[in-house]
Amino acid sequence: MRKPISLIVLTLFSAISLTACGGGSSAPEESFIEGSGAVTKIEISKRKAAPALSGMTLSGKTFTFNPEQVAVVNVWASWCSPCRAEIPTLIELSKQYPEVQFMGILTRDNPATAEAFARRFAIPYPTFIDDSLLIGFKGTLPANAIPSTVLIDKSGNVAARISGEVTLTSLSNLIRKLEAE
């Protein structure tokens, strides 16, 4: 009789664990799915304007993005395992490409917890604490998983998205292509 109960508990635990990036609690992160790392690119002629990105950051300062440069916008939360796993890659690439504006958008997270996370990893770029900025990506390439990373071209248009954890190769290739345009 113990085997069926163990099997039921194991099956239930597995199903709960797979429901969201952050786990199977009743927390808001349940509505997010973890992306596969798939890259979506938009042809230059079909790109649409990125939303204005301006607002309060985790550091308590106001930041406004100047859309005349390539930008990488990473949507993340401190409770998200793939977000934590990709942060060293994002930090490294932000240092390798100082002419590219890296930004974060915190979603469904406690700003104090996220700020401690950002301090611990010494994230060198601003992270907006207002996830309503994500609404502005509707109609282009909205963040469809967490993490999601959207790239903006020099004209201020949404050019690509990585749905899920970024890799050094995938993000570097996209940045180089956008810089060459």
N, C-alpha and C. Protein backbone atom coordinates (compact mmCIF):
# COMPACT_ATOMS: atom_id res chain seq x y z
N MET A 1 0.81 -1.20 0.00
CA MET A 1 0.00 0.00 0.00
C MET A 1 0.86 1.26 0.00
N ARG A 2 2.06 1.18 0.53
CA ARG A 2 2.92 2.35 0.57
C ARG A 2 3.43 2.72 -0.81
N LYS A 3 3.63 1.77 -1.68
CA LYS A 3 4.12 2.08 -3.02
C LYS A 3 3.16 2.99 -3.78
N PRO A 4 1.86 2.70 -3.84
CA PRO A 4 0.97 3.59 -4.57
C PRO A 4 0.94 5.01 -3.98
N ILE A 5 0.96 5.14 -2.66
CA ILE A 5 0.95 6.48 -2.06
C ILE A 5 2.24 7.21 -2.42
N SER A 6 3.37 6.54 -2.35
CA SER A 6 4.65 7.16 -2.72
C SER A 6 4.63 7.59 -4.17
N LEU A 7 4.08 6.72 -5.02
CA LEU A 7 4.01 7.03 -6.44
C LEU A 7 3.11 8.24 -6.69
N ILE A 8 1.99 8.31 -5.99
CA ILE A 8 1.07 9.45 -6.13
C ILE A 8 1.75 10.73 -5.66
N VAL A 9 2.42 10.68 -4.53
CA VAL A 9 3.11 11.86 -4.01
C VAL A 9 4.21 12.30 -4.97
N LEU A 10 4.99 11.35 -5.48
CA LEU A 10 6.06 11.67 -6.43
C LEU A 10 5.50 12.27 -7.71
N THR A 11 4.43 11.71 -8.23
CA THR A 11 3.80 12.22 -9.44
C THR A 11 3.25 13.63 -9.21
N LEU A 12 2.59 13.83 -8.08
CA LEU A 12 2.05 15.14 -7.76
C LEU A 12 3.18 16.16 -7.61
N PHE A 13 4.26 15.79 -6.91
CA PHE A 13 5.39 16.69 -6.75
C PHE A 13 6.00 17.05 -8.10
N SER A 14 6.16 16.08 -8.98
CA SER A 14 6.73 16.34 -10.30
C SER A 14 5.84 17.29 -11.10
N ALA A 15 4.55 17.08 -11.05
CA ALA A 15 3.63 17.95 -11.79
C ALA A 15 3.68 19.38 -11.26
N ILE A 16 3.71 19.52 -9.95
CA ILE A 16 3.77 20.85 -9.35
C ILE A 16 5.08 21.53 -9.72
N SER A 17 6.18 20.80 -9.67
CA SER A 17 7.50 21.38 -9.96
C SER A 17 7.60 21.88 -11.39
N LEU A 18 6.88 21.28 -12.30
CA LEU A 18 6.99 21.65 -13.70
C LEU A 18 6.01 22.74 -14.12
N THR A 19 5.16 23.20 -13.19
CA THR A 19 4.15 24.18 -13.59
C THR A 19 4.72 25.56 -13.84
N ALA A 20 5.85 25.87 -13.26
CA ALA A 20 6.39 27.22 -13.43
C ALA A 20 7.87 27.25 -13.12
N CYS A 21 8.48 28.31 -13.55
CA CYS A 21 9.89 28.51 -13.30
C CYS A 21 10.19 28.50 -11.81
N GLY A 22 9.34 29.13 -11.04
CA GLY A 22 9.63 29.32 -9.63
C GLY A 22 9.14 28.21 -8.73
N GLY A 23 8.44 27.23 -9.23
CA GLY A 23 7.96 26.16 -8.39
C GLY A 23 6.45 26.11 -8.36
N GLY A 24 5.92 25.24 -7.50
CA GLY A 24 4.50 24.99 -7.52
C GLY A 24 3.73 25.60 -6.38
N SER A 25 4.14 26.74 -5.88
CA SER A 25 3.38 27.38 -4.82
C SER A 25 2.22 28.15 -5.41
N SER A 26 1.47 28.80 -4.54
CA SER A 26 0.37 29.62 -5.04
C SER A 26 0.83 31.04 -5.33
N ALA A 27 2.13 31.25 -5.38
CA ALA A 27 2.69 32.58 -5.66
C ALA A 27 2.43 32.97 -7.11
N PRO A 28 2.55 34.26 -7.44
CA PRO A 28 2.23 34.74 -8.79
C PRO A 28 3.10 34.14 -9.88
N GLU A 29 4.29 33.65 -9.53
CA GLU A 29 5.16 33.12 -10.57
C GLU A 29 4.60 31.87 -11.23
N GLU A 30 3.55 31.27 -10.68
CA GLU A 30 2.98 30.08 -11.27
C GLU A 30 2.49 30.30 -12.69
N SER A 31 2.11 31.51 -13.04
CA SER A 31 1.57 31.76 -14.37
C SER A 31 2.65 31.90 -15.43
N PHE A 32 3.92 31.84 -15.03
CA PHE A 32 5.00 31.92 -15.99
C PHE A 32 5.48 30.53 -16.37
N ILE A 33 5.96 30.44 -17.60
CA ILE A 33 6.57 29.20 -18.04
C ILE A 33 8.03 29.45 -18.34
N GLU A 34 8.82 28.42 -18.21
CA GLU A 34 10.23 28.55 -18.52
C GLU A 34 10.42 28.35 -20.01
N GLY A 35 11.15 29.25 -20.63
CA GLY A 35 11.40 29.17 -22.07
C GLY A 35 12.47 28.15 -22.40
N SER A 36 12.57 27.84 -23.66
CA SER A 36 13.50 26.82 -24.14
C SER A 36 14.81 27.41 -24.64
N GLY A 37 14.93 28.72 -24.66
CA GLY A 37 16.12 29.35 -25.23
C GLY A 37 15.95 29.64 -26.71
N ALA A 38 14.73 29.46 -27.23
CA ALA A 38 14.47 29.68 -28.65
C ALA A 38 14.67 31.15 -29.00
N VAL A 39 15.29 31.38 -30.15
CA VAL A 39 15.55 32.73 -30.64
C VAL A 39 14.56 33.06 -31.74
N THR A 40 13.91 34.22 -31.63
CA THR A 40 13.00 34.72 -32.67
C THR A 40 13.59 36.03 -33.18
N LYS A 41 13.81 36.11 -34.48
CA LYS A 41 14.35 37.33 -35.10
C LYS A 41 13.29 37.94 -35.99
N ILE A 42 13.34 39.27 -36.12
CA ILE A 42 12.40 39.97 -36.99
C ILE A 42 13.21 40.65 -38.10
N GLU A 43 12.76 40.48 -39.34
CA GLU A 43 13.40 41.16 -40.46
C GLU A 43 13.32 42.66 -40.25
N ILE A 44 14.33 43.37 -40.72
CA ILE A 44 14.40 44.83 -40.53
C ILE A 44 13.12 45.52 -40.99
N SER A 45 12.61 45.14 -42.14
CA SER A 45 11.43 45.80 -42.70
C SER A 45 10.14 45.54 -41.91
N LYS A 46 10.14 44.54 -41.04
CA LYS A 46 8.93 44.18 -40.30
C LYS A 46 8.99 44.56 -38.81
N ARG A 47 10.06 45.20 -38.41
CA ARG A 47 10.22 45.57 -37.00
C ARG A 47 9.33 46.73 -36.61
N LYS A 48 8.88 46.70 -35.35
CA LYS A 48 8.05 47.76 -34.79
C LYS A 48 8.79 48.41 -33.63
N ALA A 49 8.41 49.63 -33.33
CA ALA A 49 9.06 50.40 -32.28
C ALA A 49 8.94 49.73 -30.91
N ALA A 50 10.03 49.76 -30.19
CA ALA A 50 10.03 49.29 -28.80
C ALA A 50 9.34 50.36 -27.95
N PRO A 51 8.79 49.97 -26.83
CA PRO A 51 8.18 50.97 -25.95
C PRO A 51 9.24 51.86 -25.33
N ALA A 52 8.83 53.02 -24.87
CA ALA A 52 9.73 53.89 -24.12
C ALA A 52 10.06 53.18 -22.81
N LEU A 53 11.33 53.11 -22.50
CA LEU A 53 11.76 52.43 -21.28
C LEU A 53 12.35 53.48 -20.33
N SER A 54 11.56 53.78 -19.32
CA SER A 54 11.97 54.80 -18.37
C SER A 54 11.26 54.51 -17.05
N GLY A 55 11.97 54.75 -15.96
CA GLY A 55 11.33 54.57 -14.67
C GLY A 55 12.31 54.31 -13.55
N MET A 56 11.76 53.98 -12.40
CA MET A 56 12.55 53.72 -11.20
C MET A 56 13.24 52.37 -11.32
N THR A 57 14.48 52.33 -10.84
CA THR A 57 15.27 51.09 -10.88
C THR A 57 15.44 50.53 -9.48
N LEU A 58 16.01 49.33 -9.42
CA LEU A 58 16.27 48.69 -8.13
C LEU A 58 17.16 49.54 -7.24
N SER A 59 18.02 50.34 -7.85
CA SER A 59 18.94 51.17 -7.06
C SER A 59 18.26 52.43 -6.53
N GLY A 60 16.99 52.63 -6.87
CA GLY A 60 16.26 53.79 -6.40
C GLY A 60 16.43 55.03 -7.27
N LYS A 61 17.06 54.87 -8.42
CA LYS A 61 17.27 55.98 -9.34
C LYS A 61 16.33 55.85 -10.53
N THR A 62 16.08 56.97 -11.19
CA THR A 62 15.29 56.95 -12.41
C THR A 62 16.25 56.78 -13.58
N PHE A 63 15.87 55.91 -14.52
CA PHE A 63 16.69 55.67 -15.70
C PHE A 63 15.80 55.79 -16.93
N THR A 64 16.34 56.41 -17.99
CA THR A 64 15.64 56.51 -19.26
C THR A 64 16.56 56.00 -20.36
N PHE A 65 16.06 55.06 -21.13
CA PHE A 65 16.84 54.48 -22.22
C PHE A 65 16.84 55.41 -23.43
N ASN A 66 18.03 55.60 -24.01
CA ASN A 66 18.20 56.37 -25.24
C ASN A 66 18.16 55.38 -26.40
N PRO A 67 17.12 55.39 -27.21
CA PRO A 67 16.96 54.36 -28.24
C PRO A 67 17.86 54.50 -29.48
N GLU A 68 18.97 55.20 -29.39
CA GLU A 68 19.86 55.32 -30.55
C GLU A 68 21.02 54.34 -30.46
N GLN A 69 20.87 53.31 -29.67
CA GLN A 69 21.90 52.29 -29.54
C GLN A 69 21.24 50.93 -29.40
N VAL A 70 22.00 49.88 -29.67
CA VAL A 70 21.50 48.53 -29.49
C VAL A 70 21.26 48.32 -27.99
N ALA A 71 20.18 47.63 -27.67
CA ALA A 71 19.86 47.37 -26.26
C ALA A 71 19.46 45.92 -26.06
N VAL A 72 19.76 45.43 -24.87
CA VAL A 72 19.37 44.10 -24.43
C VAL A 72 18.51 44.30 -23.19
N VAL A 73 17.27 43.83 -23.25
CA VAL A 73 16.32 43.98 -22.15
C VAL A 73 15.99 42.59 -21.62
N ASN A 74 16.41 42.31 -20.39
CA ASN A 74 16.22 40.99 -19.80
C ASN A 74 15.11 41.05 -18.75
N VAL A 75 14.11 40.21 -18.90
CA VAL A 75 13.00 40.12 -17.95
C VAL A 75 13.31 38.98 -16.99
N TRP A 76 13.36 39.30 -15.69
CA TRP A 76 13.82 38.32 -14.72
C TRP A 76 13.15 38.48 -13.37
N ALA A 77 13.41 37.50 -12.51
CA ALA A 77 12.99 37.53 -11.11
C ALA A 77 14.02 36.75 -10.30
N SER A 78 14.22 37.14 -9.07
CA SER A 78 15.24 36.49 -8.25
C SER A 78 14.86 35.06 -7.86
N TRP A 79 13.58 34.71 -7.89
CA TRP A 79 13.15 33.36 -7.53
C TRP A 79 13.28 32.37 -8.70
N CYS A 80 13.59 32.87 -9.87
CA CYS A 80 13.62 32.05 -11.09
C CYS A 80 15.00 31.42 -11.30
N SER A 81 15.07 30.10 -11.26
CA SER A 81 16.35 29.39 -11.41
C SER A 81 17.08 29.71 -12.70
N PRO A 82 16.42 29.68 -13.88
CA PRO A 82 17.14 30.04 -15.11
C PRO A 82 17.62 31.49 -15.12
N CYS A 83 16.87 32.37 -14.44
CA CYS A 83 17.30 33.77 -14.34
C CYS A 83 18.60 33.85 -13.55
N ARG A 84 18.66 33.12 -12.46
CA ARG A 84 19.87 33.10 -11.64
C ARG A 84 21.02 32.48 -12.42
N ALA A 85 20.73 31.46 -13.21
CA ALA A 85 21.78 30.78 -13.97
C ALA A 85 22.36 31.65 -15.09
N GLU A 86 21.53 32.49 -15.70
CA GLU A 86 22.01 33.28 -16.83
C GLU A 86 22.67 34.59 -16.45
N ILE A 87 22.54 35.02 -15.20
CA ILE A 87 23.04 36.34 -14.82
C ILE A 87 24.55 36.49 -15.05
N PRO A 88 25.39 35.49 -14.78
CA PRO A 88 26.82 35.67 -15.09
C PRO A 88 27.08 35.93 -16.58
N THR A 89 26.31 35.29 -17.45
CA THR A 89 26.45 35.51 -18.90
C THR A 89 26.06 36.93 -19.26
N LEU A 90 24.94 37.42 -18.73
CA LEU A 90 24.50 38.78 -19.02
C LEU A 90 25.51 39.81 -18.50
N ILE A 91 26.03 39.59 -17.32
CA ILE A 91 27.03 40.50 -16.76
C ILE A 91 28.28 40.51 -17.63
N GLU A 92 28.75 39.34 -18.01
CA GLU A 92 29.95 39.24 -18.85
C GLU A 92 29.74 39.94 -20.19
N LEU A 93 28.60 39.72 -20.82
CA LEU A 93 28.34 40.36 -22.12
C LEU A 93 28.16 41.87 -21.98
N SER A 94 27.60 42.33 -20.87
CA SER A 94 27.47 43.77 -20.68
C SER A 94 28.85 44.42 -20.57
N LYS A 95 29.82 43.69 -20.09
CA LYS A 95 31.20 44.20 -20.01
C LYS A 95 31.90 44.10 -21.37
N GLN A 96 31.62 43.02 -22.12
CA GLN A 96 32.22 42.84 -23.44
C GLN A 96 31.69 43.84 -24.46
N TYR A 97 30.45 44.28 -24.28
CA TYR A 97 29.80 45.20 -25.22
C TYR A 97 29.36 46.46 -24.49
N PRO A 98 30.32 47.32 -24.10
CA PRO A 98 29.96 48.52 -23.34
C PRO A 98 29.12 49.52 -24.14
N GLU A 99 29.14 49.41 -25.48
CA GLU A 99 28.35 50.31 -26.32
C GLU A 99 26.88 49.87 -26.43
N VAL A 100 26.58 48.70 -25.89
CA VAL A 100 25.21 48.17 -25.89
C VAL A 100 24.61 48.46 -24.52
N GLN A 101 23.39 48.97 -24.50
CA GLN A 101 22.71 49.26 -23.23
C GLN A 101 22.00 48.01 -22.74
N PHE A 102 22.46 47.44 -21.68
CA PHE A 102 21.78 46.32 -21.03
C PHE A 102 20.84 46.89 -19.99
N MET A 103 19.65 46.30 -19.87
CA MET A 103 18.65 46.70 -18.89
C MET A 103 17.91 45.46 -18.43
N GLY A 104 17.39 45.52 -17.23
CA GLY A 104 16.53 44.46 -16.73
C GLY A 104 15.16 45.01 -16.45
N ILE A 105 14.18 44.13 -16.48
CA ILE A 105 12.84 44.46 -16.00
C ILE A 105 12.47 43.36 -15.00
N LEU A 106 12.31 43.76 -13.77
CA LEU A 106 11.93 42.84 -12.71
C LEU A 106 10.44 42.53 -12.84
N THR A 107 10.09 41.26 -12.71
CA THR A 107 8.67 40.92 -12.78
C THR A 107 8.30 39.97 -11.65
N ARG A 108 7.16 40.25 -11.06
CA ARG A 108 6.57 39.39 -10.03
C ARG A 108 7.57 38.99 -8.96
N ASP A 109 8.23 39.99 -8.43
CA ASP A 109 9.25 39.74 -7.42
C ASP A 109 9.19 40.84 -6.38
N ASN A 110 9.74 40.59 -5.25
CA ASN A 110 9.86 41.57 -4.19
C ASN A 110 11.09 42.42 -4.48
N PRO A 111 10.93 43.73 -4.66
CA PRO A 111 12.09 44.57 -4.99
C PRO A 111 13.24 44.46 -3.99
N ALA A 112 12.96 44.30 -2.71
CA ALA A 112 14.03 44.19 -1.71
C ALA A 112 14.84 42.91 -1.93
N THR A 113 14.15 41.81 -2.21
CA THR A 113 14.82 40.54 -2.47
C THR A 113 15.63 40.63 -3.76
N ALA A 114 15.05 41.22 -4.78
CA ALA A 114 15.73 41.36 -6.07
C ALA A 114 16.93 42.30 -5.95
N GLU A 115 16.80 43.36 -5.15
CA GLU A 115 17.90 44.30 -4.97
C GLU A 115 19.06 43.61 -4.27
N ALA A 116 18.79 42.77 -3.30
CA ALA A 116 19.84 42.01 -2.62
C ALA A 116 20.53 41.06 -3.61
N PHE A 117 19.74 40.44 -4.46
CA PHE A 117 20.27 39.55 -5.50
C PHE A 117 21.18 40.35 -6.45
N ALA A 118 20.72 41.50 -6.90
CA ALA A 118 21.50 42.34 -7.82
C ALA A 118 22.79 42.82 -7.16
N ARG A 119 22.74 43.14 -5.89
CA ARG A 119 23.94 43.55 -5.15
C ARG A 119 24.92 42.39 -5.03
N ARG A 120 24.40 41.22 -4.71
CA ARG A 120 25.24 40.02 -4.53
C ARG A 120 26.02 39.70 -5.80
N PHE A 121 25.36 39.82 -6.95
CA PHE A 121 26.01 39.51 -8.22
C PHE A 121 26.65 40.73 -8.88
N ALA A 122 26.52 41.89 -8.25
CA ALA A 122 27.07 43.14 -8.78
C ALA A 122 26.61 43.38 -10.22
N ILE A 123 25.30 43.31 -10.43
CA ILE A 123 24.74 43.55 -11.76
C ILE A 123 25.03 45.00 -12.13
N PRO A 124 25.77 45.21 -13.23
CA PRO A 124 26.24 46.57 -13.55
C PRO A 124 25.27 47.44 -14.34
N TYR A 125 24.12 46.93 -14.67
CA TYR A 125 23.17 47.69 -15.49
C TYR A 125 21.86 47.87 -14.73
N PRO A 126 21.06 48.86 -15.14
CA PRO A 126 19.81 49.15 -14.40
C PRO A 126 18.74 48.09 -14.60
N THR A 127 17.95 47.89 -13.56
CA THR A 127 16.78 47.02 -13.63
C THR A 127 15.56 47.81 -13.20
N PHE A 128 14.59 47.92 -14.10
CA PHE A 128 13.34 48.61 -13.79
C PHE A 128 12.52 47.75 -12.83
N ILE A 129 11.85 48.41 -11.88
CA ILE A 129 11.02 47.67 -10.94
C ILE A 129 9.55 47.68 -11.34
N ASP A 130 9.20 48.37 -12.40
CA ASP A 130 7.82 48.47 -12.86
C ASP A 130 7.61 47.52 -14.04
N ASP A 131 7.05 46.35 -13.75
CA ASP A 131 6.88 45.38 -14.84
C ASP A 131 5.72 45.73 -15.78
N SER A 132 5.02 46.84 -15.51
CA SER A 132 4.01 47.28 -16.48
C SER A 132 4.68 47.73 -17.79
N LEU A 133 6.00 47.96 -17.76
CA LEU A 133 6.74 48.27 -18.99
C LEU A 133 6.60 47.15 -20.02
N LEU A 134 6.36 45.95 -19.54
CA LEU A 134 6.22 44.79 -20.44
C LEU A 134 5.02 44.93 -21.37
N ILE A 135 4.00 45.65 -20.94
CA ILE A 135 2.80 45.84 -21.76
C ILE A 135 3.18 46.51 -23.08
N GLY A 136 4.17 47.38 -23.06
CA GLY A 136 4.61 48.08 -24.25
C GLY A 136 5.17 47.18 -25.34
N PHE A 137 5.57 45.96 -24.98
CA PHE A 137 6.09 45.03 -25.98
C PHE A 137 4.99 44.25 -26.68
N LYS A 138 3.74 44.40 -26.22
CA LYS A 138 2.62 43.73 -26.86
C LYS A 138 2.54 44.20 -28.32
N GLY A 139 2.37 43.30 -29.23
CA GLY A 139 2.33 43.66 -30.64
C GLY A 139 3.68 43.53 -31.33
N THR A 140 4.73 43.28 -30.54
CA THR A 140 6.05 43.03 -31.12
C THR A 140 6.47 41.63 -30.70
N LEU A 141 7.41 41.56 -29.78
CA LEU A 141 7.83 40.27 -29.22
C LEU A 141 7.73 40.35 -27.70
N PRO A 142 6.55 40.12 -27.16
CA PRO A 142 6.41 40.23 -25.71
C PRO A 142 7.18 39.11 -25.01
N ALA A 143 7.54 39.37 -23.78
CA ALA A 143 8.17 38.34 -22.95
C ALA A 143 7.15 37.24 -22.76
N ASN A 144 7.43 36.06 -23.29
CA ASN A 144 6.46 34.97 -23.23
C ASN A 144 6.86 33.88 -22.25
N ALA A 145 7.98 34.07 -21.59
CA ALA A 145 8.47 33.13 -20.60
C ALA A 145 9.36 33.92 -19.66
N ILE A 146 9.79 33.28 -18.62
CA ILE A 146 10.75 33.94 -17.74
C ILE A 146 11.90 32.98 -17.54
N PRO A 147 13.09 33.41 -17.83
CA PRO A 147 13.46 34.73 -18.33
C PRO A 147 13.15 34.87 -19.82
N SER A 148 13.06 36.09 -20.26
CA SER A 148 12.98 36.45 -21.67
C SER A 148 13.92 37.62 -21.88
N THR A 149 14.54 37.65 -23.05
CA THR A 149 15.45 38.74 -23.37
C THR A 149 15.07 39.28 -24.73
N VAL A 150 14.81 40.58 -24.78
CA VAL A 150 14.42 41.25 -26.02
C VAL A 150 15.56 42.15 -26.45
N LEU A 151 15.87 42.14 -27.74
CA LEU A 151 16.90 43.01 -28.28
C LEU A 151 16.27 44.11 -29.11
N ILE A 152 16.79 45.32 -28.93
CA ILE A 152 16.31 46.50 -29.62
C ILE A 152 17.43 47.00 -30.52
N ASP A 153 17.09 47.32 -31.78
CA ASP A 153 18.10 47.79 -32.73
C ASP A 153 18.39 49.28 -32.54
N LYS A 154 19.34 49.81 -33.32
CA LYS A 154 19.76 51.21 -33.20
C LYS A 154 18.66 52.19 -33.56
N SER A 155 17.64 51.72 -34.27
CA SER A 155 16.52 52.58 -34.64
C SER A 155 15.42 52.58 -33.58
N GLY A 156 15.62 51.82 -32.50
CA GLY A 156 14.62 51.77 -31.44
C GLY A 156 13.53 50.76 -31.70
N ASN A 157 13.78 49.80 -32.59
CA ASN A 157 12.78 48.79 -32.92
C ASN A 157 13.13 47.44 -32.30
N VAL A 158 12.10 46.67 -31.96
CA VAL A 158 12.31 45.33 -31.42
C VAL A 158 12.81 44.44 -32.56
N ALA A 159 13.98 43.83 -32.35
CA ALA A 159 14.63 43.06 -33.41
C ALA A 159 14.66 41.56 -33.15
N ALA A 160 14.66 41.15 -31.88
CA ALA A 160 14.78 39.72 -31.58
C ALA A 160 14.38 39.46 -30.13
N ARG A 161 14.13 38.17 -29.86
CA ARG A 161 13.82 37.75 -28.50
C ARG A 161 14.42 36.37 -28.28
N ILE A 162 14.95 36.18 -27.09
CA ILE A 162 15.36 34.85 -26.64
C ILE A 162 14.38 34.48 -25.54
N SER A 163 13.64 33.42 -25.75
CA SER A 163 12.64 32.97 -24.80
C SER A 163 13.26 31.89 -23.92
N GLY A 164 13.65 32.27 -22.72
CA GLY A 164 14.33 31.35 -21.83
C GLY A 164 15.74 31.82 -21.58
N GLU A 165 16.53 30.97 -20.98
CA GLU A 165 17.89 31.31 -20.59
C GLU A 165 18.77 31.63 -21.80
N VAL A 166 19.49 32.74 -21.73
CA VAL A 166 20.40 33.11 -22.80
C VAL A 166 21.68 32.30 -22.69
N THR A 167 22.35 32.15 -23.83
CA THR A 167 23.68 31.57 -23.82
C THR A 167 24.64 32.62 -24.34
N LEU A 168 25.89 32.47 -24.03
CA LEU A 168 26.91 33.40 -24.50
C LEU A 168 26.89 33.49 -26.02
N THR A 169 26.80 32.35 -26.67
CA THR A 169 26.82 32.31 -28.14
C THR A 169 25.59 32.95 -28.75
N SER A 170 24.40 32.58 -28.29
CA SER A 170 23.17 33.09 -28.91
C SER A 170 23.06 34.61 -28.75
N LEU A 171 23.32 35.11 -27.57
CA LEU A 171 23.19 36.55 -27.34
C LEU A 171 24.31 37.33 -28.03
N SER A 172 25.53 36.81 -28.00
CA SER A 172 26.65 37.48 -28.70
C SER A 172 26.37 37.59 -30.19
N ASN A 173 25.88 36.52 -30.79
CA ASN A 173 25.58 36.54 -32.23
C ASN A 173 24.53 37.60 -32.57
N LEU A 174 23.49 37.69 -31.77
CA LEU A 174 22.44 38.67 -32.01
C LEU A 174 22.98 40.09 -31.85
N ILE A 175 23.76 40.32 -30.82
CA ILE A 175 24.32 41.65 -30.59
C ILE A 175 25.21 42.06 -31.77
N ARG A 176 26.09 41.16 -32.20
CA ARG A 176 26.99 41.48 -33.32
C ARG A 176 26.21 41.79 -34.59
N LYS A 177 25.17 41.02 -34.87
CA LYS A 177 24.36 41.28 -36.08
C LYS A 177 23.68 42.64 -36.00
N LEU A 178 23.14 43.00 -34.85
CA LEU A 178 22.46 44.28 -34.70
C LEU A 178 23.45 45.44 -34.77
N GLU A 179 24.62 45.27 -34.21
CA GLU A 179 25.62 46.32 -34.28
C GLU A 179 26.09 46.55 -35.72
N ALA A 180 26.08 45.50 -36.53
CA ALA A 180 26.55 45.60 -37.91
C ALA A 180 25.52 46.22 -38.84
N GLU A 181 24.29 46.32 -38.41
CA GLU A 181 23.22 46.88 -39.27
C GLU A 181 23.40 48.37 -39.47
